[in-house]
Amino acid sequence: NTLLLEMNSLKPEDTAIYYCAADHGGPALRGVRLCPLTIGGSYRVW
């Protein structure tokens, strides 16, 4: 139940507070759910 982020060749511009986000899930999917990087989207848990 873990999300990983491997960061290489780090730059000063990468300095920030990093947040993990997730949606609430639901019934098993029959296809692929695409997950865009939109703050106002499905991410409800931070």
PDB file of all heavy atoms in Angstrom:
ATOM      1  N   ASN A   1       0.828  -1.207   0.000  1.00  0.00           N
ATOM      2  CA  ASN A   1       0.000   0.000   0.000  1.00  0.00           C
ATOM      3  C   ASN A   1       0.862   1.256   0.000  1.00  0.00           C
ATOM      4  O   ASN A   1       0.579   2.219   0.716  1.00  0.00           O
ATOM      5  CB  ASN A   1      -0.937   0.011   1.204  1.00  0.00           C
ATOM      6  CG  ASN A   1      -1.791  -1.233   1.288  1.00  0.00           C
ATOM      7  OD1 ASN A   1      -2.349  -1.678   0.283  1.00  0.00           O
ATOM      8  ND2 ASN A   1      -1.906  -1.802   2.478  1.00  0.00           N
ATOM      9  N   THR A   2       1.905   1.245  -0.809  1.00  0.00           N
ATOM     10  CA  THR A   2       2.889   2.309  -0.792  1.00  0.00           C
ATOM     11  C   THR A   2       3.135   2.877  -2.185  1.00  0.00           C
ATOM     12  O   THR A   2       3.240   2.134  -3.159  1.00  0.00           O
ATOM     13  CB  THR A   2       4.211   1.799  -0.213  1.00  0.00           C
ATOM     14  OG1 THR A   2       3.998   1.328   1.123  1.00  0.00           O
ATOM     15  CG2 THR A   2       5.250   2.904  -0.172  1.00  0.00           C
ATOM     16  N   LEU A   3       3.231   4.196  -2.260  1.00  0.00           N
ATOM     17  CA  LEU A   3       3.582   4.906  -3.474  1.00  0.00           C
ATOM     18  C   LEU A   3       5.011   5.412  -3.319  1.00  0.00           C
ATOM     19  O   LEU A   3       5.348   6.021  -2.303  1.00  0.00           O
ATOM     20  CB  LEU A   3       2.631   6.072  -3.714  1.00  0.00           C
ATOM     21  CG  LEU A   3       2.828   6.865  -5.007  1.00  0.00           C
ATOM     22  CD1 LEU A   3       2.406   6.033  -6.208  1.00  0.00           C
ATOM     23  CD2 LEU A   3       2.044   8.173  -4.953  1.00  0.00           C
ATOM     24  N   LEU A   4       5.850   5.169  -4.320  1.00  0.00           N
ATOM     25  CA  LEU A   4       7.256   5.538  -4.258  1.00  0.00           C
ATOM     26  C   LEU A   4       7.581   6.590  -5.304  1.00  0.00           C
ATOM     27  O   LEU A   4       6.965   6.644  -6.371  1.00  0.00           O
ATOM     28  CB  LEU A   4       8.143   4.313  -4.474  1.00  0.00           C
ATOM     29  CG  LEU A   4       7.916   3.116  -3.547  1.00  0.00           C
ATOM     30  CD1 LEU A   4       8.803   1.954  -3.971  1.00  0.00           C
ATOM     31  CD2 LEU A   4       8.198   3.506  -2.101  1.00  0.00           C
ATOM     32  N   LEU A   5       8.564   7.421  -5.000  1.00  0.00           N
ATOM     33  CA  LEU A   5       9.071   8.400  -5.947  1.00  0.00           C
ATOM     34  C   LEU A   5      10.586   8.412  -5.854  1.00  0.00           C
ATOM     35  O   LEU A   5      11.139   8.817  -4.828  1.00  0.00           O
ATOM     36  CB  LEU A   5       8.507   9.797  -5.670  1.00  0.00           C
ATOM     37  CG  LEU A   5       8.912  10.882  -6.668  1.00  0.00           C
ATOM     38  CD1 LEU A   5       8.289  10.584  -8.040  1.00  0.00           C
ATOM     39  CD2 LEU A   5       8.481  12.259  -6.186  1.00  0.00           C
ATOM     40  N   GLU A   6      11.246   7.953  -6.902  1.00  0.00           N
ATOM     41  CA  GLU A   6      12.696   7.978  -6.986  1.00  0.00           C
ATOM     42  C   GLU A   6      13.111   9.242  -7.730  1.00  0.00           C
ATOM     43  O   GLU A   6      12.738   9.424  -8.881  1.00  0.00           O
ATOM     44  CB  GLU A   6      13.215   6.735  -7.706  1.00  0.00           C
ATOM     45  CG  GLU A   6      12.849   5.424  -7.043  1.00  0.00           C
ATOM     46  CD  GLU A   6      13.336   4.223  -7.828  1.00  0.00           C
ATOM     47  OE1 GLU A   6      14.433   4.314  -8.422  1.00  0.00           O
ATOM     48  OE2 GLU A   6      12.639   3.205  -7.849  1.00  0.00           O
ATOM     49  N   MET A   7      13.880  10.091  -7.075  1.00  0.00           N
ATOM     50  CA  MET A   7      14.290  11.361  -7.643  1.00  0.00           C
ATOM     51  C   MET A   7      15.791  11.346  -7.876  1.00  0.00           C
ATOM     52  O   MET A   7      16.564  11.116  -6.949  1.00  0.00           O
ATOM     53  CB  MET A   7      13.895  12.519  -6.720  1.00  0.00           C
ATOM     54  CG  MET A   7      12.403  12.570  -6.412  1.00  0.00           C
ATOM     55  SD  MET A   7      11.951  13.998  -5.391  1.00  0.00           S
ATOM     56  CE  MET A   7      12.780  13.558  -3.848  1.00  0.00           C
ATOM     57  N   ASN A   8      16.189  11.600  -9.112  1.00  0.00           N
ATOM     58  CA  ASN A   8      17.596  11.634  -9.492  1.00  0.00           C
ATOM     59  C   ASN A   8      17.924  12.960 -10.162  1.00  0.00           C
ATOM     60  O   ASN A   8      17.035  13.677 -10.610  1.00  0.00           O
ATOM     61  CB  ASN A   8      17.921  10.477 -10.440  1.00  0.00           C
ATOM     62  CG  ASN A   8      17.648   9.124  -9.838  1.00  0.00           C
ATOM     63  OD1 ASN A   8      18.170   8.784  -8.777  1.00  0.00           O
ATOM     64  ND2 ASN A   8      16.821   8.327 -10.519  1.00  0.00           N
ATOM     65  N   SER A   9      19.218  13.265 -10.243  1.00  0.00           N
ATOM     66  CA  SER A   9      19.684  14.505 -10.875  1.00  0.00           C
ATOM     67  C   SER A   9      18.922  15.706 -10.342  1.00  0.00           C
ATOM     68  O   SER A   9      18.451  16.555 -11.102  1.00  0.00           O
ATOM     69  CB  SER A   9      19.543  14.408 -12.397  1.00  0.00           C
ATOM     70  OG  SER A   9      20.274  13.316 -12.910  1.00  0.00           O
ATOM     71  N   LEU A  10      18.823  15.790  -9.052  1.00  0.00           N
ATOM     72  CA  LEU A  10      18.028  16.836  -8.423  1.00  0.00           C
ATOM     73  C   LEU A  10      18.622  18.217  -8.655  1.00  0.00           C
ATOM     74  O   LEU A  10      19.849  18.387  -8.701  1.00  0.00           O
ATOM     75  CB  LEU A  10      17.896  16.563  -6.928  1.00  0.00           C
ATOM     76  CG  LEU A  10      16.913  15.443  -6.572  1.00  0.00           C
ATOM     77  CD1 LEU A  10      17.120  14.973  -5.146  1.00  0.00           C
ATOM     78  CD2 LEU A  10      15.476  15.928  -6.775  1.00  0.00           C
ATOM     79  N   LYS A  11      17.734  19.191  -8.795  1.00  0.00           N
ATOM     80  CA  LYS A  11      18.093  20.578  -9.029  1.00  0.00           C
ATOM     81  C   LYS A  11      17.528  21.447  -7.914  1.00  0.00           C
ATOM     82  O   LYS A  11      16.561  21.068  -7.258  1.00  0.00           O
ATOM     83  CB  LYS A  11      17.534  21.058 -10.370  1.00  0.00           C
ATOM     84  CG  LYS A  11      17.881  20.187 -11.565  1.00  0.00           C
ATOM     85  CD  LYS A  11      17.148  20.671 -12.804  1.00  0.00           C
ATOM     86  CE  LYS A  11      17.445  19.794 -13.998  1.00  0.00           C
ATOM     87  NZ  LYS A  11      16.707  20.255 -15.210  1.00  0.00           N
ATOM     88  N   PRO A  12      18.107  22.634  -7.699  1.00  0.00           N
ATOM     89  CA  PRO A  12      17.530  23.538  -6.697  1.00  0.00           C
ATOM     90  C   PRO A  12      16.058  23.842  -6.957  1.00  0.00           C
ATOM     91  O   PRO A  12      15.301  24.067  -6.008  1.00  0.00           O
ATOM     92  CB  PRO A  12      18.388  24.804  -6.838  1.00  0.00           C
ATOM     93  CG  PRO A  12      19.707  24.292  -7.300  1.00  0.00           C
ATOM     94  CD  PRO A  12      19.378  23.152  -8.231  1.00  0.00           C
ATOM     95  N   GLU A  13      15.649  23.832  -8.222  1.00  0.00           N
ATOM     96  CA  GLU A  13      14.258  24.079  -8.570  1.00  0.00           C
ATOM     97  C   GLU A  13      13.318  22.994  -8.061  1.00  0.00           C
ATOM     98  O   GLU A  13      12.099  23.192  -8.033  1.00  0.00           O
ATOM     99  CB  GLU A  13      14.101  24.201 -10.093  1.00  0.00           C
ATOM    100  CG  GLU A  13      14.772  25.424 -10.694  1.00  0.00           C
ATOM    101  CD  GLU A  13      16.265  25.245 -10.925  1.00  0.00           C
ATOM    102  OE1 GLU A  13      16.827  24.192 -10.549  1.00  0.00           O
ATOM    103  OE2 GLU A  13      16.882  26.169 -11.493  1.00  0.00           O
ATOM    104  N   ASP A  14      13.859  21.846  -7.677  1.00  0.00           N
ATOM    105  CA  ASP A  14      13.046  20.766  -7.130  1.00  0.00           C
ATOM    106  C   ASP A  14      12.738  20.969  -5.651  1.00  0.00           C
ATOM    107  O   ASP A  14      11.944  20.215  -5.080  1.00  0.00           O
ATOM    108  CB  ASP A  14      13.747  19.420  -7.313  1.00  0.00           C
ATOM    109  CG  ASP A  14      13.915  19.045  -8.773  1.00  0.00           C
ATOM    110  OD1 ASP A  14      12.961  19.242  -9.557  1.00  0.00           O
ATOM    111  OD2 ASP A  14      15.004  18.551  -9.128  1.00  0.00           O
ATOM    112  N   THR A  15      13.358  21.947  -5.027  1.00  0.00           N
ATOM    113  CA  THR A  15      13.112  22.224  -3.612  1.00  0.00           C
ATOM    114  C   THR A  15      11.656  22.603  -3.403  1.00  0.00           C
ATOM    115  O   THR A  15      11.147  23.534  -4.025  1.00  0.00           O
ATOM    116  CB  THR A  15      14.023  23.347  -3.115  1.00  0.00           C
ATOM    117  OG1 THR A  15      15.382  22.927  -3.189  1.00  0.00           O
ATOM    118  CG2 THR A  15      13.692  23.708  -1.673  1.00  0.00           C
ATOM    119  N   ALA A  16      10.976  21.877  -2.527  1.00  0.00           N
ATOM    120  CA  ALA A  16       9.553  22.106  -2.279  1.00  0.00           C
ATOM    121  C   ALA A  16       9.075  21.145  -1.199  1.00  0.00           C
ATOM    122  O   ALA A  16       9.805  20.244  -0.776  1.00  0.00           O
ATOM    123  CB  ALA A  16       8.736  21.899  -3.558  1.00  0.00           C
ATOM    124  N   ILE A  17       7.843  21.355  -0.766  1.00  0.00           N
ATOM    125  CA  ILE A  17       7.171  20.372   0.064  1.00  0.00           C
ATOM    126  C   ILE A  17       6.446  19.419  -0.875  1.00  0.00           C
ATOM    127  O   ILE A  17       5.672  19.856  -1.725  1.00  0.00           O
ATOM    128  CB  ILE A  17       6.167  21.014   1.036  1.00  0.00           C
ATOM    129  CG1 ILE A  17       6.890  21.980   1.973  1.00  0.00           C
ATOM    130  CG2 ILE A  17       5.449  19.945   1.845  1.00  0.00           C
ATOM    131  CD1 ILE A  17       5.961  22.727   2.904  1.00  0.00           C
ATOM    132  N   TYR A  18       6.706  18.142  -0.736  1.00  0.00           N
ATOM    133  CA  TYR A  18       6.115  17.136  -1.603  1.00  0.00           C
ATOM    134  C   TYR A  18       4.952  16.470  -0.897  1.00  0.00           C
ATOM    135  O   TYR A  18       5.072  16.007   0.243  1.00  0.00           O
ATOM    136  CB  TYR A  18       7.162  16.098  -2.008  1.00  0.00           C
ATOM    137  CG  TYR A  18       8.108  16.602  -3.070  1.00  0.00           C
ATOM    138  CD1 TYR A  18       9.042  17.585  -2.774  1.00  0.00           C
ATOM    139  CD2 TYR A  18       8.053  16.107  -4.375  1.00  0.00           C
ATOM    140  CE1 TYR A  18       9.895  18.071  -3.754  1.00  0.00           C
ATOM    141  CE2 TYR A  18       8.904  16.587  -5.349  1.00  0.00           C
ATOM    142  CZ  TYR A  18       9.824  17.568  -5.038  1.00  0.00           C
ATOM    143  OH  TYR A  18      10.672  18.042  -6.013  1.00  0.00           O
ATOM    144  N   TYR A  19       3.805  16.401  -1.581  1.00  0.00           N
ATOM    145  CA  TYR A  19       2.584  15.843  -1.026  1.00  0.00           C
ATOM    146  C   TYR A  19       2.140  14.615  -1.800  1.00  0.00           C
ATOM    147  O   TYR A  19       2.182  14.597  -3.027  1.00  0.00           O
ATOM    148  CB  TYR A  19       1.443  16.866  -1.069  1.00  0.00           C
ATOM    149  CG  TYR A  19       1.666  18.098  -0.232  1.00  0.00           C
ATOM    150  CD1 TYR A  19       2.262  19.223  -0.767  1.00  0.00           C
ATOM    151  CD2 TYR A  19       1.258  18.134   1.100  1.00  0.00           C
ATOM    152  CE1 TYR A  19       2.461  20.361  -0.007  1.00  0.00           C
ATOM    153  CE2 TYR A  19       1.447  19.264   1.865  1.00  0.00           C
ATOM    154  CZ  TYR A  19       2.053  20.376   1.313  1.00  0.00           C
ATOM    155  OH  TYR A  19       2.239  21.505   2.069  1.00  0.00           O
ATOM    156  N   CYS A  20       1.694  13.610  -1.087  1.00  0.00           N
ATOM    157  CA  CYS A  20       1.090  12.436  -1.678  1.00  0.00           C
ATOM    158  C   CYS A  20      -0.421  12.644  -1.728  1.00  0.00           C
ATOM    159  O   CYS A  20      -1.003  13.211  -0.800  1.00  0.00           O
ATOM    160  CB  CYS A  20       1.429  11.201  -0.840  1.00  0.00           C
ATOM    161  SG  CYS A  20       0.718   9.653  -1.429  1.00  0.00           S
ATOM    162  N   ALA A  21      -1.064  12.203  -2.802  1.00  0.00           N
ATOM    163  CA  ALA A  21      -2.502  12.371  -2.958  1.00  0.00           C
ATOM    164  C   ALA A  21      -3.119  11.108  -3.541  1.00  0.00           C
ATOM    165  O   ALA A  21      -2.466  10.362  -4.267  1.00  0.00           O
ATOM    166  CB  ALA A  21      -2.804  13.563  -3.871  1.00  0.00           C
ATOM    167  N   ALA A  22      -4.404  10.885  -3.224  1.00  0.00           N
ATOM    168  CA  ALA A  22      -5.111   9.712  -3.717  1.00  0.00           C
ATOM    169  C   ALA A  22      -6.602   9.978  -3.787  1.00  0.00           C
ATOM    170  O   ALA A  22      -7.123  10.853  -3.096  1.00  0.00           O
ATOM    171  CB  ALA A  22      -4.841   8.504  -2.812  1.00  0.00           C
ATOM    172  N   ASP A  23      -7.292   9.220  -4.628  1.00  0.00           N
ATOM    173  CA  ASP A  23      -8.740   9.267  -4.642  1.00  0.00           C
ATOM    174  C   ASP A  23      -9.276   8.163  -3.736  1.00  0.00           C
ATOM    175  O   ASP A  23      -8.510   7.442  -3.093  1.00  0.00           O
ATOM    176  CB  ASP A  23      -9.299   9.166  -6.071  1.00  0.00           C
ATOM    177  CG  ASP A  23      -8.979   7.833  -6.750  1.00  0.00           C
ATOM    178  OD1 ASP A  23      -8.607   6.855  -6.063  1.00  0.00           O
ATOM    179  OD2 ASP A  23      -9.111   7.771  -7.990  1.00  0.00           O
ATOM    180  N   HIS A  24     -10.594   8.004  -3.676  1.00  0.00           N
ATOM    181  CA  HIS A  24     -11.200   7.054  -2.749  1.00  0.00           C
ATOM    182  C   HIS A  24     -11.403   5.659  -3.326  1.00  0.00           C
ATOM    183  O   HIS A  24     -11.871   4.756  -2.623  1.00  0.00           O
ATOM    184  CB  HIS A  24     -12.543   7.594  -2.259  1.00  0.00           C
ATOM    185  CG  HIS A  24     -12.416   8.722  -1.284  1.00  0.00           C
ATOM    186  ND1 HIS A  24     -11.912   8.549  -0.015  1.00  0.00           N
ATOM    187  CD2 HIS A  24     -12.717  10.043  -1.398  1.00  0.00           C
ATOM    188  CE1 HIS A  24     -11.913   9.710   0.617  1.00  0.00           C
ATOM    189  NE2 HIS A  24     -12.396  10.630  -0.195  1.00  0.00           N
ATOM    190  N   GLY A  25     -11.065   5.464  -4.595  1.00  0.00           N
ATOM    191  CA  GLY A  25     -11.227   4.154  -5.187  1.00  0.00           C
ATOM    192  C   GLY A  25     -12.684   3.760  -5.307  1.00  0.00           C
ATOM    193  O   GLY A  25     -13.587   4.592  -5.303  1.00  0.00           O
ATOM    194  N   GLY A  26     -12.935   2.457  -5.412  1.00  0.00           N
ATOM    195  CA  GLY A  26     -14.278   1.945  -5.548  1.00  0.00           C
ATOM    196  C   GLY A  26     -14.267   0.533  -6.093  1.00  0.00           C
ATOM    197  O   GLY A  26     -13.297  -0.208  -5.901  1.00  0.00           O
ATOM    198  N   PRO A  27     -15.349   0.140  -6.792  1.00  0.00           N
ATOM    199  CA  PRO A  27     -15.427  -1.202  -7.362  1.00  0.00           C
ATOM    200  C   PRO A  27     -14.290  -1.461  -8.335  1.00  0.00           C
ATOM    201  O   PRO A  27     -13.720  -0.526  -8.906  1.00  0.00           O
ATOM    202  CB  PRO A  27     -16.779  -1.206  -8.079  1.00  0.00           C
ATOM    203  CG  PRO A  27     -17.578  -0.142  -7.402  1.00  0.00           C
ATOM    204  CD  PRO A  27     -16.581   0.919  -7.034  1.00  0.00           C
ATOM    205  N   ALA A  28     -13.969  -2.726  -8.515  1.00  0.00           N
ATOM    206  CA  ALA A  28     -12.904  -3.110  -9.430  1.00  0.00           C
ATOM    207  C   ALA A  28     -13.184  -2.585 -10.830  1.00  0.00           C
ATOM    208  O   ALA A  28     -14.312  -2.653 -11.324  1.00  0.00           O
ATOM    209  CB  ALA A  28     -12.739  -4.620  -9.447  1.00  0.00           C
ATOM    210  N   LEU A  29     -12.149  -2.061 -11.466  1.00  0.00           N
ATOM    211  CA  LEU A  29     -12.277  -1.524 -12.808  1.00  0.00           C
ATOM    212  C   LEU A  29     -12.146  -2.626 -13.846  1.00  0.00           C
ATOM    213  O   LEU A  29     -11.376  -3.571 -13.680  1.00  0.00           O
ATOM    214  CB  LEU A  29     -11.208  -0.462 -13.056  1.00  0.00           C
ATOM    215  CG  LEU A  29     -11.253   0.788 -12.178  1.00  0.00           C
ATOM    216  CD1 LEU A  29     -10.025   1.641 -12.432  1.00  0.00           C
ATOM    217  CD2 LEU A  29     -12.520   1.583 -12.449  1.00  0.00           C
ATOM    218  N   ARG A  30     -12.877  -2.470 -14.937  1.00  0.00           N
ATOM    219  CA  ARG A  30     -12.749  -3.396 -16.063  1.00  0.00           C
ATOM    220  C   ARG A  30     -11.786  -2.847 -17.095  1.00  0.00           C
ATOM    221  O   ARG A  30     -11.327  -3.587 -17.970  1.00  0.00           O
ATOM    222  CB  ARG A  30     -14.121  -3.655 -16.697  1.00  0.00           C
ATOM    223  CG  ARG A  30     -15.138  -4.255 -15.734  1.00  0.00           C
ATOM    224  CD  ARG A  30     -16.421  -4.617 -16.437  1.00  0.00           C
ATOM    225  NE  ARG A  30     -16.227  -5.708 -17.369  1.00  0.00           N
ATOM    226  CZ  ARG A  30     -17.191  -6.224 -18.122  1.00  0.00           C
ATOM    227  NH1 ARG A  30     -18.428  -5.736 -18.037  1.00  0.00           N
ATOM    228  NH2 ARG A  30     -16.928  -7.213 -18.949  1.00  0.00           N
ATOM    229  N   GLY A  31     -11.489  -1.560 -16.993  1.00  0.00           N
ATOM    230  CA  GLY A  31     -10.544  -0.912 -17.879  1.00  0.00           C
ATOM    231  C   GLY A  31      -9.555  -0.081 -17.082  1.00  0.00           C
ATOM    232  O   GLY A  31      -9.456  -0.218 -15.865  1.00  0.00           O
ATOM    233  N   VAL A  32      -8.833   0.777 -17.766  1.00  0.00           N
ATOM    234  CA  VAL A  32      -7.817   1.611 -17.140  1.00  0.00           C
ATOM    235  C   VAL A  32      -8.400   2.977 -16.788  1.00  0.00           C
ATOM    236  O   VAL A  32      -9.040   3.618 -17.621  1.00  0.00           O
ATOM    237  CB  VAL A  32      -6.598   1.789 -18.059  1.00  0.00           C
ATOM    238  CG1 VAL A  32      -5.587   2.728 -17.418  1.00  0.00           C
ATOM    239  CG2 VAL A  32      -5.967   0.446 -18.356  1.00  0.00           C
ATOM    240  N   ARG A  33      -8.178   3.394 -15.553  1.00  0.00           N
ATOM    241  CA  ARG A  33      -8.552   4.728 -15.129  1.00  0.00           C
ATOM    242  C   ARG A  33      -7.322   5.617 -15.244  1.00  0.00           C
ATOM    243  O   ARG A  33      -6.312   5.375 -14.576  1.00  0.00           O
ATOM    244  CB  ARG A  33      -9.076   4.703 -13.688  1.00  0.00           C
ATOM    245  CG  ARG A  33      -9.356   6.085 -13.077  1.00  0.00           C
ATOM    246  CD  ARG A  33     -10.553   6.760 -13.737  1.00  0.00           C
ATOM    247  NE  ARG A  33     -11.753   5.948 -13.613  1.00  0.00           N
ATOM    248  CZ  ARG A  33     -12.547   5.926 -12.548  1.00  0.00           C
ATOM    249  NH1 ARG A  33     -12.266   6.706 -11.499  1.00  0.00           N
ATOM    250  NH2 ARG A  33     -13.609   5.145 -12.517  1.00  0.00           N
ATOM    251  N   LEU A  34      -7.396   6.628 -16.093  1.00  0.00           N
ATOM    252  CA  LEU A  34      -6.301   7.565 -16.245  1.00  0.00           C
ATOM    253  C   LEU A  34      -6.334   8.586 -15.123  1.00  0.00           C
ATOM    254  O   LEU A  34      -7.411   9.019 -14.696  1.00  0.00           O
ATOM    255  CB  LEU A  34      -6.368   8.256 -17.602  1.00  0.00           C
ATOM    256  CG  LEU A  34      -6.260   7.330 -18.817  1.00  0.00           C
ATOM    257  CD1 LEU A  34      -6.328   8.142 -20.104  1.00  0.00           C
ATOM    258  CD2 LEU A  34      -4.976   6.521 -18.769  1.00  0.00           C
ATOM    259  N   CYS A  35      -5.166   8.987 -14.658  1.00  0.00           N
ATOM    260  CA  CYS A  35      -5.055   9.850 -13.489  1.00  0.00           C
ATOM    261  C   CYS A  35      -4.236  11.090 -13.817  1.00  0.00           C
ATOM    262  O   CYS A  35      -3.012  11.108 -13.617  1.00  0.00           O
ATOM    263  CB  CYS A  35      -4.406   9.086 -12.339  1.00  0.00           C
ATOM    264  SG  CYS A  35      -5.227   7.527 -11.932  1.00  0.00           S
ATOM    265  N   PRO A  36      -4.884  12.132 -14.301  1.00  0.00           N
ATOM    266  CA  PRO A  36      -4.166  13.358 -14.647  1.00  0.00           C
ATOM    267  C   PRO A  36      -3.693  14.110 -13.414  1.00  0.00           C
ATOM    268  O   PRO A  36      -4.208  13.918 -12.310  1.00  0.00           O
ATOM    269  CB  PRO A  36      -5.205  14.165 -15.433  1.00  0.00           C
ATOM    270  CG  PRO A  36      -6.516  13.711 -14.871  1.00  0.00           C
ATOM    271  CD  PRO A  36      -6.330  12.240 -14.583  1.00  0.00           C
ATOM    272  N   LEU A  37      -2.721  14.983 -13.611  1.00  0.00           N
ATOM    273  CA  LEU A  37      -2.166  15.778 -12.518  1.00  0.00           C
ATOM    274  C   LEU A  37      -2.936  17.082 -12.383  1.00  0.00           C
ATOM    275  O   LEU A  37      -2.419  18.169 -12.648  1.00  0.00           O
ATOM    276  CB  LEU A  37      -0.683  16.041 -12.758  1.00  0.00           C
ATOM    277  CG  LEU A  37       0.222  14.820 -12.639  1.00  0.00           C
ATOM    278  CD1 LEU A  37       1.617  15.133 -13.147  1.00  0.00           C
ATOM    279  CD2 LEU A  37       0.272  14.347 -11.193  1.00  0.00           C
ATOM    280  N   THR A  38      -4.180  16.962 -11.943  1.00  0.00           N
ATOM    281  CA  THR A  38      -5.044  18.119 -11.735  1.00  0.00           C
ATOM    282  C   THR A  38      -5.474  18.158 -10.278  1.00  0.00           C
ATOM    283  O   THR A  38      -6.085  17.211  -9.775  1.00  0.00           O
ATOM    284  CB  THR A  38      -6.275  18.077 -12.644  1.00  0.00           C
ATOM    285  OG1 THR A  38      -6.963  16.832 -12.457  1.00  0.00           O
ATOM    286  CG2 THR A  38      -5.871  18.190 -14.106  1.00  0.00           C
ATOM    287  N   ILE A  39      -5.150  19.261  -9.607  1.00  0.00           N
ATOM    288  CA  ILE A  39      -5.455  19.390  -8.182  1.00  0.00           C
ATOM    289  C   ILE A  39      -6.957  19.344  -7.923  1.00  0.00           C
ATOM    290  O   ILE A  39      -7.404  18.786  -6.920  1.00  0.00           O
ATOM    291  CB  ILE A  39      -4.851  20.690  -7.626  1.00  0.00           C
ATOM    292  CG1 ILE A  39      -3.326  20.655  -7.764  1.00  0.00           C
ATOM    293  CG2 ILE A  39      -5.257  20.896  -6.171  1.00  0.00           C
ATOM    294  CD1 ILE A  39      -2.638  21.935  -7.340  1.00  0.00           C
ATOM    295  N   GLY A  40      -7.744  19.924  -8.821  1.00  0.00           N
ATOM    296  CA  GLY A  40      -9.188  19.960  -8.656  1.00  0.00           C
ATOM    297  C   GLY A  40      -9.895  18.725  -9.158  1.00  0.00           C
ATOM    298  O   GLY A  40     -11.128  18.744  -9.290  1.00  0.00           O
ATOM    299  N   GLY A  41      -9.168  17.668  -9.448  1.00  0.00           N
ATOM    300  CA  GLY A  41      -9.744  16.447  -9.957  1.00  0.00           C
ATOM    301  C   GLY A  41     -10.190  15.491  -8.873  1.00  0.00           C
ATOM    302  O   GLY A  41     -10.823  15.878  -7.890  1.00  0.00           O
ATOM    303  N   SER A  42      -9.851  14.231  -9.038  1.00  0.00           N
ATOM    304  CA  SER A  42     -10.349  13.173  -8.161  1.00  0.00           C
ATOM    305  C   SER A  42      -9.569  13.012  -6.857  1.00  0.00           C
ATOM    306  O   SER A  42     -10.008  12.268  -5.980  1.00  0.00           O
ATOM    307  CB  SER A  42     -10.346  11.834  -8.905  1.00  0.00           C
ATOM    308  OG  SER A  42      -9.034  11.447  -9.265  1.00  0.00           O
ATOM    309  N   TYR A  43      -8.458  13.698  -6.710  1.00  0.00           N
ATOM    310  CA  TYR A  43      -7.647  13.540  -5.502  1.00  0.00           C
ATOM    311  C   TYR A  43      -8.329  14.202  -4.318  1.00  0.00           C
ATOM    312  O   TYR A  43      -8.433  15.428  -4.244  1.00  0.00           O
ATOM    313  CB  TYR A  43      -6.251  14.116  -5.717  1.00  0.00           C
ATOM    314  CG  TYR A  43      -5.550  13.507  -6.905  1.00  0.00           C
ATOM    315  CD1 TYR A  43      -5.408  14.215  -8.090  1.00  0.00           C
ATOM    316  CD2 TYR A  43      -5.046  12.207  -6.848  1.00  0.00           C
ATOM    317  CE1 TYR A  43      -4.782  13.646  -9.188  1.00  0.00           C
ATOM    318  CE2 TYR A  43      -4.425  11.640  -7.943  1.00  0.00           C
ATOM    319  CZ  TYR A  43      -4.290  12.359  -9.106  1.00  0.00           C
ATOM    320  OH  TYR A  43      -3.670  11.799 -10.194  1.00  0.00           O
ATOM    321  N   ARG A  44      -8.782  13.392  -3.378  1.00  0.00           N
ATOM    322  CA  ARG A  44      -9.529  13.885  -2.228  1.00  0.00           C
ATOM    323  C   ARG A  44      -8.810  13.673  -0.903  1.00  0.00           C
ATOM    324  O   ARG A  44      -9.196  14.253   0.105  1.00  0.00           O
ATOM    325  CB  ARG A  44     -10.901  13.195  -2.165  1.00  0.00           C
ATOM    326  CG  ARG A  44     -11.736  13.334  -3.439  1.00  0.00           C
ATOM    327  CD  ARG A  44     -12.052  14.779  -3.735  1.00  0.00           C
ATOM    328  NE  ARG A  44     -12.913  15.358  -2.719  1.00  0.00           N
ATOM    329  CZ  ARG A  44     -13.278  16.631  -2.689  1.00  0.00           C
ATOM    330  NH1 ARG A  44     -12.833  17.462  -3.610  1.00  0.00           N
ATOM    331  NH2 ARG A  44     -14.084  17.071  -1.719  1.00  0.00           N
ATOM    332  N   VAL A  45      -7.777  12.842  -0.883  1.00  0.00           N
ATOM    333  CA  VAL A  45      -7.018  12.553   0.321  1.00  0.00           C
ATOM    334  C   VAL A  45      -5.583  13.000   0.106  1.00  0.00           C
ATOM    335  O   VAL A  45      -4.974  12.677  -0.915  1.00  0.00           O
ATOM    336  CB  VAL A  45      -7.058  11.052   0.675  1.00  0.00           C
ATOM    337  CG1 VAL A  45      -6.316  10.792   1.981  1.00  0.00           C
ATOM    338  CG2 VAL A  45      -8.498  10.571   0.779  1.00  0.00           C
ATOM    339  N   TRP A  46      -5.048  13.733   1.082  1.00  0.00           N
ATOM    340  CA  TRP A  46      -3.704  14.291   0.973  1.00  0.00           C
ATOM    341  C   TRP A  46      -2.886  13.968   2.212  1.00  0.00           C
ATOM    342  O   TRP A  46      -3.410  13.916   3.325  1.00  0.00           O
ATOM    343  CB  TRP A  46      -3.762  15.812   0.794  1.00  0.00           C
ATOM    344  CG  TRP A  46      -4.411  16.236  -0.487  1.00  0.00           C
ATOM    345  CD1 TRP A  46      -5.749  16.316  -0.741  1.00  0.00           C
ATOM    346  CD2 TRP A  46      -3.745  16.633  -1.687  1.00  0.00           C
ATOM    347  NE1 TRP A  46      -5.957  16.738  -2.036  1.00  0.00           N
ATOM    348  CE2 TRP A  46      -4.755  16.938  -2.632  1.00  0.00           C
ATOM    349  CE3 TRP A  46      -2.411  16.765  -2.051  1.00  0.00           C
ATOM    350  CZ2 TRP A  46      -4.456  17.366  -3.927  1.00  0.00           C
ATOM    351  CZ3 TRP A  46      -2.109  17.191  -3.337  1.00  0.00           C
ATOM    352  CH2 TRP A  46      -3.124  17.484  -4.253  1.00  0.00           C
TER     353      TRP A  46
END
